[in-house]
Amino acid sequence: MVGKFAKKDNGRSNSRDNIAFVKQMLAELRQVAEKEQADMLCYLIEMAYVEAGDLHARM
């Protein structure tokens, strides 16, 4: 899966896909951090998730 997103960016749709991928990975990391009760890490991941969502919406 990583190879699919590591390729050279060929345009806006590929960038949008990359940001969607990052957003999904952040959601999964948030779940792991939550299980570990890592509150500050959860907060930081959530902020990155929101930023990824904003970027995705602007594309």
C-alpha atoms as a PDB file:
ATOM      1  CA  MET A   1       0.000   0.000   0.000  1.00  0.00           C
ATOM      2  CA  VAL A   2       2.820   2.437   0.780  1.00  0.00           C
ATOM      3  CA  GLY A   3       4.235   2.110  -2.736  1.00  0.00           C
ATOM      4  CA  LYS A   4       0.937   3.204  -4.210  1.00  0.00           C
ATOM      5  CA  PHE A   5       1.199   6.582  -2.471  1.00  0.00           C
ATOM      6  CA  ALA A   6       4.960   7.017  -2.691  1.00  0.00           C
ATOM      7  CA  LYS A   7       4.906   7.474  -6.476  1.00  0.00           C
ATOM      8  CA  LYS A   8       5.508  10.856  -8.054  1.00  0.00           C
ATOM      9  CA  ASP A   9       2.500  13.153  -7.798  1.00  0.00           C
ATOM     10  CA  ASN A  10       0.780  13.290 -11.199  1.00  0.00           C
ATOM     11  CA  GLY A  11      -1.813  15.912 -10.387  1.00  0.00           C
ATOM     12  CA  ARG A  12      -4.478  17.185  -8.063  1.00  0.00           C
ATOM     13  CA  SER A  13      -6.428  13.911  -7.796  1.00  0.00           C
ATOM     14  CA  ASN A  14      -3.315  12.016  -6.698  1.00  0.00           C
ATOM     15  CA  SER A  15      -2.588  14.695  -4.074  1.00  0.00           C
ATOM     16  CA  ARG A  16      -6.183  14.415  -2.867  1.00  0.00           C
ATOM     17  CA  ASP A  17      -5.784  10.636  -2.605  1.00  0.00           C
ATOM     18  CA  ASN A  18      -2.555  11.063  -0.644  1.00  0.00           C
ATOM     19  CA  ILE A  19      -4.188  13.417   1.846  1.00  0.00           C
ATOM     20  CA  ALA A  20      -7.142  11.030   2.208  1.00  0.00           C
ATOM     21  CA  PHE A  21      -4.648   8.257   2.942  1.00  0.00           C
ATOM     22  CA  VAL A  22      -2.878  10.363   5.583  1.00  0.00           C
ATOM     23  CA  LYS A  23      -6.232  11.225   7.160  1.00  0.00           C
ATOM     24  CA  GLN A  24      -7.194   7.544   7.344  1.00  0.00           C
ATOM     25  CA  MET A  25      -3.848   6.591   8.890  1.00  0.00           C
ATOM     26  CA  LEU A  26      -4.211   9.351  11.473  1.00  0.00           C
ATOM     27  CA  ALA A  27      -7.650   8.014  12.410  1.00  0.00           C
ATOM     28  CA  GLU A  28      -6.134   4.577  12.962  1.00  0.00           C
ATOM     29  CA  LEU A  29      -3.231   5.998  14.975  1.00  0.00           C
ATOM     30  CA  ARG A  30      -5.718   7.934  17.103  1.00  0.00           C
ATOM     31  CA  GLN A  31      -7.446   4.667  18.022  1.00  0.00           C
ATOM     32  CA  VAL A  32      -4.147   3.078  19.039  1.00  0.00           C
ATOM     33  CA  ALA A  33      -3.136   6.106  21.114  1.00  0.00           C
ATOM     34  CA  GLU A  34      -6.552   6.154  22.772  1.00  0.00           C
ATOM     35  CA  LYS A  35      -6.206   2.495  23.805  1.00  0.00           C
ATOM     36  CA  GLU A  36      -2.874   3.405  25.398  1.00  0.00           C
ATOM     37  CA  GLN A  37      -4.484   6.354  27.203  1.00  0.00           C
ATOM     38  CA  ALA A  38      -1.940   8.710  25.640  1.00  0.00           C
ATOM     39  CA  ASP A  39      -4.010  11.873  25.996  1.00  0.00           C
ATOM     40  CA  MET A  40      -1.482  14.371  24.630  1.00  0.00           C
ATOM     41  CA  LEU A  41      -0.693  12.110  21.699  1.00  0.00           C
ATOM     42  CA  CYS A  42      -4.421  11.745  20.991  1.00  0.00           C
ATOM     43  CA  TYR A  43      -4.769  15.510  20.994  1.00  0.00           C
ATOM     44  CA  LEU A  44      -1.849  16.035  18.600  1.00  0.00           C
ATOM     45  CA  ILE A  45      -3.043  13.306  16.255  1.00  0.00           C
ATOM     46  CA  GLU A  46      -6.536  14.821  16.319  1.00  0.00           C
ATOM     47  CA  MET A  47      -5.112  18.222  15.353  1.00  0.00           C
ATOM     48  CA  ALA A  48      -3.240  16.620  12.443  1.00  0.00           C
ATOM     49  CA  TYR A  49      -6.449  14.796  11.447  1.00  0.00           C
ATOM     50  CA  VAL A  50      -8.381  18.082  11.393  1.00  0.00           C
ATOM     51  CA  GLU A  51      -5.638  19.719   9.306  1.00  0.00           C
ATOM     52  CA  ALA A  52      -5.689  16.812   6.849  1.00  0.00           C
ATOM     53  CA  GLY A  53      -9.460  17.174   6.591  1.00  0.00           C
ATOM     54  CA  ASP A  54      -9.129  20.884   5.879  1.00  0.00           C
ATOM     55  CA  LEU A  55      -6.494  20.239   3.208  1.00  0.00           C
ATOM     56  CA  HIS A  56      -8.632  17.522   1.639  1.00  0.00           C
ATOM     57  CA  ALA A  57     -11.667  19.822   1.523  1.00  0.00           C
ATOM     58  CA  ARG A  58      -9.677  22.559  -0.240  1.00  0.00           C
ATOM     59  CA  MET A  59      -8.468  20.268  -3.026  1.00  0.00           C
END
